[in-house]
């Protein structure tokens, strides 16, 4: 698949401390971003542990499910949406807006 150019460095994919901890614990396996931060098979490190991007695709926010929010490290889609809106003041949730979904796992 042809992906667009990166909009940010892969090292910036997971930066919030709570999300770093959720990733290290295996509770977070996805990160949605407005742009591309990493491509499939690319790796990044968190606290000395290596993770590999396993998939990259676009998804409309309105197509997200509770399972997607849980893969993001949240208990429910409602909690995920509330936190995203709190973090990005002035942003409104638009079901038609899309985000790049970066799927990843710890490298063996």
N, C-alpha and C. Protein backbone atom coordinates (compact mmCIF):
# COMPACT_ATOMS: atom_id res chain seq x y z
N UNK A 1 0.85 -1.19 0.00
CA UNK A 1 0.00 0.00 0.00
C UNK A 1 0.89 1.25 0.00
N UNK A 2 0.43 2.26 -0.68
CA UNK A 2 1.13 3.54 -0.70
C UNK A 2 0.64 4.39 0.46
N UNK A 3 1.56 4.78 1.32
CA UNK A 3 1.23 5.62 2.46
C UNK A 3 1.72 7.04 2.19
N UNK A 4 1.08 8.03 2.78
CA UNK A 4 1.59 9.39 2.63
C UNK A 4 2.89 9.57 3.42
N UNK A 5 3.55 10.68 3.16
CA UNK A 5 4.75 11.01 3.90
C UNK A 5 4.43 11.16 5.38
N UNK A 6 5.40 10.85 6.22
CA UNK A 6 5.21 11.02 7.66
C UNK A 6 4.99 12.50 7.99
N UNK A 7 4.14 12.72 8.99
CA UNK A 7 3.91 14.08 9.47
C UNK A 7 4.66 14.34 10.76
N UNK A 8 5.18 13.28 11.37
CA UNK A 8 5.90 13.41 12.63
C UNK A 8 6.79 12.19 12.81
N UNK A 9 7.75 12.29 13.69
CA UNK A 9 8.67 11.20 13.97
C UNK A 9 7.98 10.09 14.78
N UNK A 10 8.35 8.85 14.52
CA UNK A 10 7.77 7.71 15.23
C UNK A 10 8.01 7.80 16.74
N UNK A 11 9.07 8.47 17.15
CA UNK A 11 9.35 8.61 18.58
C UNK A 11 8.26 9.43 19.28
N UNK A 12 7.45 10.15 18.54
CA UNK A 12 6.37 10.97 19.10
C UNK A 12 5.02 10.23 19.10
N UNK A 13 5.01 8.96 18.68
CA UNK A 13 3.76 8.21 18.56
C UNK A 13 3.06 8.04 19.91
N UNK A 14 3.77 7.55 20.91
CA UNK A 14 3.21 7.34 22.25
C UNK A 14 4.10 8.12 23.23
N UNK A 15 3.57 9.23 23.77
CA UNK A 15 4.41 10.07 24.62
C UNK A 15 3.83 10.35 26.01
N UNK A 16 2.52 10.35 26.14
CA UNK A 16 1.89 10.64 27.43
C UNK A 16 2.24 9.51 28.41
N UNK A 17 2.69 9.86 29.59
CA UNK A 17 3.21 8.86 30.53
C UNK A 17 2.21 7.74 30.83
N UNK A 18 0.95 8.06 31.03
CA UNK A 18 -0.05 7.01 31.31
C UNK A 18 -0.19 6.06 30.13
N UNK A 19 -0.08 6.60 28.91
CA UNK A 19 -0.20 5.76 27.72
C UNK A 19 1.06 4.94 27.50
N UNK A 20 2.21 5.50 27.85
CA UNK A 20 3.46 4.74 27.79
C UNK A 20 3.35 3.54 28.73
N UNK A 21 2.87 3.77 29.94
CA UNK A 21 2.73 2.68 30.91
C UNK A 21 1.73 1.63 30.43
N UNK A 22 0.62 2.08 29.83
CA UNK A 22 -0.39 1.14 29.29
C UNK A 22 0.21 0.32 28.15
N UNK A 23 1.06 0.94 27.33
CA UNK A 23 1.71 0.22 26.23
C UNK A 23 2.69 -0.81 26.79
N UNK A 24 3.50 -0.40 27.74
CA UNK A 24 4.47 -1.32 28.35
C UNK A 24 3.78 -2.51 29.01
N UNK A 25 2.58 -2.26 29.56
CA UNK A 25 1.82 -3.33 30.23
C UNK A 25 1.02 -4.19 29.25
N UNK A 26 1.01 -3.80 27.96
CA UNK A 26 0.29 -4.58 26.95
C UNK A 26 -1.18 -4.23 26.83
N UNK A 27 -1.63 -3.18 27.53
CA UNK A 27 -3.04 -2.77 27.47
C UNK A 27 -3.32 -1.84 26.30
N UNK A 28 -2.29 -1.24 25.75
CA UNK A 28 -2.43 -0.31 24.62
C UNK A 28 -1.70 -0.88 23.42
N UNK A 29 -2.42 -1.10 22.33
CA UNK A 29 -1.83 -1.67 21.12
C UNK A 29 -2.13 -0.84 19.87
N UNK A 30 -2.77 0.31 20.06
CA UNK A 30 -3.08 1.20 18.95
C UNK A 30 -2.90 2.64 19.37
N UNK A 31 -2.58 3.48 18.38
CA UNK A 31 -2.52 4.93 18.61
C UNK A 31 -3.07 5.61 17.37
N UNK A 32 -4.08 6.44 17.57
CA UNK A 32 -4.65 7.22 16.47
C UNK A 32 -4.00 8.59 16.46
N UNK A 33 -3.66 9.03 15.26
CA UNK A 33 -3.06 10.35 15.06
C UNK A 33 -3.65 10.96 13.79
N UNK A 34 -3.57 12.29 13.69
CA UNK A 34 -4.06 12.98 12.49
C UNK A 34 -3.18 12.70 11.28
N UNK A 35 -1.95 12.31 11.52
CA UNK A 35 -1.03 12.02 10.42
C UNK A 35 -0.30 10.72 10.66
N UNK A 36 0.60 10.42 9.76
CA UNK A 36 1.38 9.18 9.83
C UNK A 36 2.66 9.44 10.63
N UNK A 37 2.87 8.62 11.66
CA UNK A 37 4.06 8.73 12.51
C UNK A 37 5.02 7.57 12.29
N UNK A 38 4.51 6.47 11.76
CA UNK A 38 5.35 5.30 11.52
C UNK A 38 4.69 4.37 10.53
N UNK A 39 5.51 3.59 9.84
CA UNK A 39 5.03 2.65 8.82
C UNK A 39 5.11 1.21 9.33
N UNK A 40 4.32 0.30 8.74
CA UNK A 40 4.41 -1.11 9.13
C UNK A 40 5.86 -1.61 9.08
N UNK A 41 6.22 -2.39 10.09
CA UNK A 41 7.54 -2.98 10.30
C UNK A 41 8.56 -2.00 10.86
N UNK A 42 8.19 -0.75 11.05
CA UNK A 42 9.09 0.21 11.68
C UNK A 42 8.99 0.03 13.20
N UNK A 43 10.09 0.26 13.89
CA UNK A 43 10.11 0.04 15.34
C UNK A 43 10.32 1.35 16.10
N UNK A 44 9.89 1.32 17.36
CA UNK A 44 10.14 2.42 18.29
C UNK A 44 10.38 1.82 19.67
N UNK A 45 10.99 2.60 20.55
CA UNK A 45 11.31 2.11 21.89
C UNK A 45 10.62 2.94 22.96
N UNK A 46 10.19 2.24 24.00
CA UNK A 46 9.65 2.88 25.20
C UNK A 46 10.34 2.23 26.39
N UNK A 47 11.03 3.01 27.17
CA UNK A 47 11.74 2.50 28.35
C UNK A 47 12.56 1.25 28.05
N UNK A 48 13.26 1.25 26.92
CA UNK A 48 14.14 0.14 26.58
C UNK A 48 13.46 -1.05 25.95
N UNK A 49 12.14 -1.01 25.79
CA UNK A 49 11.39 -2.11 25.18
C UNK A 49 11.05 -1.71 23.74
N UNK A 50 11.26 -2.62 22.80
CA UNK A 50 11.03 -2.33 21.38
C UNK A 50 9.63 -2.78 20.95
N UNK A 51 8.98 -1.91 20.20
CA UNK A 51 7.65 -2.18 19.64
C UNK A 51 7.74 -2.05 18.13
N UNK A 52 6.93 -2.82 17.42
CA UNK A 52 6.92 -2.79 15.97
C UNK A 52 5.51 -2.43 15.48
N UNK A 53 5.45 -1.57 14.49
CA UNK A 53 4.17 -1.22 13.86
C UNK A 53 3.74 -2.43 13.03
N UNK A 54 2.54 -2.95 13.31
CA UNK A 54 2.06 -4.13 12.60
C UNK A 54 1.04 -3.79 11.51
N UNK A 55 0.41 -2.61 11.62
CA UNK A 55 -0.59 -2.20 10.63
C UNK A 55 -0.76 -0.70 10.70
N UNK A 56 -1.19 -0.12 9.61
CA UNK A 56 -1.45 1.31 9.52
C UNK A 56 -2.61 1.51 8.56
N UNK A 57 -3.67 2.15 9.03
CA UNK A 57 -4.83 2.39 8.17
C UNK A 57 -5.60 3.60 8.68
N UNK A 58 -6.47 4.13 7.82
CA UNK A 58 -7.32 5.25 8.23
C UNK A 58 -8.67 4.73 8.68
N UNK A 59 -9.24 5.42 9.68
CA UNK A 59 -10.55 5.05 10.21
C UNK A 59 -11.31 6.32 10.57
N UNK A 60 -12.59 6.34 10.23
CA UNK A 60 -13.44 7.47 10.64
C UNK A 60 -13.71 7.35 12.13
N UNK A 61 -13.71 8.49 12.81
CA UNK A 61 -13.97 8.46 14.25
C UNK A 61 -15.32 7.82 14.56
N UNK A 62 -16.30 8.03 13.70
CA UNK A 62 -17.63 7.45 13.90
C UNK A 62 -17.66 5.94 13.77
N UNK A 63 -16.61 5.36 13.20
CA UNK A 63 -16.53 3.90 13.05
C UNK A 63 -15.83 3.22 14.22
N UNK A 64 -15.32 4.03 15.16
CA UNK A 64 -14.66 3.46 16.33
C UNK A 64 -15.64 2.71 17.22
N UNK A 65 -15.16 1.66 17.86
CA UNK A 65 -15.96 0.86 18.78
C UNK A 65 -15.32 0.88 20.16
N UNK A 66 -16.00 0.31 21.12
CA UNK A 66 -15.41 0.16 22.46
C UNK A 66 -14.12 -0.65 22.38
N UNK A 67 -14.08 -1.67 21.50
CA UNK A 67 -12.87 -2.49 21.35
C UNK A 67 -11.70 -1.63 20.84
N UNK A 68 -11.98 -0.70 19.93
CA UNK A 68 -10.93 0.20 19.46
C UNK A 68 -10.43 1.08 20.60
N UNK A 69 -11.34 1.61 21.39
CA UNK A 69 -10.96 2.46 22.52
C UNK A 69 -10.14 1.66 23.53
N UNK A 70 -10.50 0.40 23.74
CA UNK A 70 -9.74 -0.45 24.66
C UNK A 70 -8.33 -0.71 24.12
N UNK A 71 -8.20 -0.87 22.79
CA UNK A 71 -6.88 -1.04 22.18
C UNK A 71 -6.05 0.24 22.32
N UNK A 72 -6.73 1.37 22.52
CA UNK A 72 -6.06 2.66 22.76
C UNK A 72 -5.67 2.81 24.23
N UNK A 73 -6.14 1.89 25.08
CA UNK A 73 -5.80 1.93 26.49
C UNK A 73 -6.88 2.51 27.38
N UNK A 74 -8.10 2.65 26.85
CA UNK A 74 -9.21 3.21 27.62
C UNK A 74 -10.28 2.15 27.82
N UNK A 75 -11.12 2.33 28.86
CA UNK A 75 -12.14 1.33 29.17
C UNK A 75 -13.30 1.33 28.19
N UNK A 76 -13.60 2.50 27.60
CA UNK A 76 -14.75 2.59 26.70
C UNK A 76 -14.53 3.71 25.69
N UNK A 77 -15.33 3.68 24.64
CA UNK A 77 -15.27 4.73 23.64
C UNK A 77 -15.65 6.08 24.24
N UNK A 78 -16.61 6.08 25.15
CA UNK A 78 -17.02 7.32 25.80
C UNK A 78 -15.86 7.95 26.58
N UNK A 79 -15.11 7.13 27.32
CA UNK A 79 -13.95 7.64 28.06
C UNK A 79 -12.89 8.17 27.11
N UNK A 80 -12.64 7.45 26.03
CA UNK A 80 -11.65 7.88 25.03
C UNK A 80 -12.06 9.23 24.43
N UNK A 81 -13.30 9.33 24.00
CA UNK A 81 -13.81 10.56 23.38
C UNK A 81 -13.72 11.73 24.36
N UNK A 82 -14.12 11.51 25.60
CA UNK A 82 -14.07 12.58 26.61
C UNK A 82 -12.65 13.07 26.82
N UNK A 83 -11.69 12.16 26.91
CA UNK A 83 -10.31 12.56 27.14
C UNK A 83 -9.73 13.29 25.92
N UNK A 84 -10.01 12.80 24.73
CA UNK A 84 -9.52 13.46 23.51
C UNK A 84 -10.04 14.88 23.44
N UNK A 85 -11.31 15.09 23.75
CA UNK A 85 -11.89 16.43 23.69
C UNK A 85 -11.31 17.33 24.78
N UNK A 86 -10.99 16.74 25.92
CA UNK A 86 -10.37 17.51 27.02
C UNK A 86 -8.93 17.91 26.65
N UNK A 87 -8.20 16.99 26.02
CA UNK A 87 -6.81 17.23 25.65
C UNK A 87 -6.68 18.27 24.54
N UNK A 88 -7.65 18.29 23.64
CA UNK A 88 -7.62 19.18 22.48
C UNK A 88 -8.73 20.21 22.62
N UNK A 89 -8.50 21.19 23.48
CA UNK A 89 -9.50 22.22 23.76
C UNK A 89 -10.04 22.86 22.49
N UNK A 90 -11.34 23.01 22.42
CA UNK A 90 -11.99 23.61 21.26
C UNK A 90 -12.32 22.62 20.17
N UNK A 91 -11.78 21.42 20.25
CA UNK A 91 -12.06 20.39 19.24
C UNK A 91 -13.46 19.84 19.46
N UNK A 92 -14.14 19.53 18.37
CA UNK A 92 -15.42 18.86 18.45
C UNK A 92 -15.28 17.48 17.83
N UNK A 93 -15.97 16.50 18.38
CA UNK A 93 -15.93 15.14 17.84
C UNK A 93 -16.73 15.13 16.55
N UNK A 94 -16.09 14.77 15.46
CA UNK A 94 -16.73 14.71 14.16
C UNK A 94 -16.67 13.26 13.67
N UNK A 95 -17.82 12.60 13.62
CA UNK A 95 -17.85 11.19 13.21
C UNK A 95 -17.25 10.96 11.83
N UNK A 96 -17.27 11.98 10.97
CA UNK A 96 -16.74 11.83 9.61
C UNK A 96 -15.24 12.09 9.52
N UNK A 97 -14.67 12.68 10.56
CA UNK A 97 -13.22 12.93 10.55
C UNK A 97 -12.48 11.59 10.63
N UNK A 98 -11.34 11.52 9.98
CA UNK A 98 -10.60 10.26 10.03
C UNK A 98 -9.25 10.47 10.71
N UNK A 99 -8.73 9.39 11.21
CA UNK A 99 -7.43 9.38 11.87
C UNK A 99 -6.64 8.19 11.34
N UNK A 100 -5.33 8.29 11.40
CA UNK A 100 -4.46 7.17 11.06
C UNK A 100 -4.32 6.28 12.29
N UNK A 101 -4.64 5.01 12.14
CA UNK A 101 -4.53 4.04 13.22
C UNK A 101 -3.19 3.31 13.08
N UNK A 102 -2.35 3.49 14.07
CA UNK A 102 -1.06 2.80 14.13
C UNK A 102 -1.23 1.63 15.09
N UNK A 103 -1.19 0.41 14.57
CA UNK A 103 -1.28 -0.80 15.41
C UNK A 103 0.15 -1.27 15.68
N UNK A 104 0.39 -1.72 16.91
CA UNK A 104 1.75 -2.14 17.25
C UNK A 104 1.72 -3.22 18.31
N UNK A 105 2.87 -3.88 18.46
CA UNK A 105 3.03 -4.90 19.50
C UNK A 105 4.48 -4.92 19.92
N UNK A 106 4.71 -5.47 21.10
CA UNK A 106 6.08 -5.62 21.59
C UNK A 106 6.81 -6.59 20.68
N UNK A 107 8.05 -6.25 20.38
CA UNK A 107 8.86 -7.12 19.54
C UNK A 107 9.45 -8.24 20.39
N UNK A 108 9.36 -9.45 19.88
CA UNK A 108 9.85 -10.61 20.64
C UNK A 108 11.35 -10.60 20.76
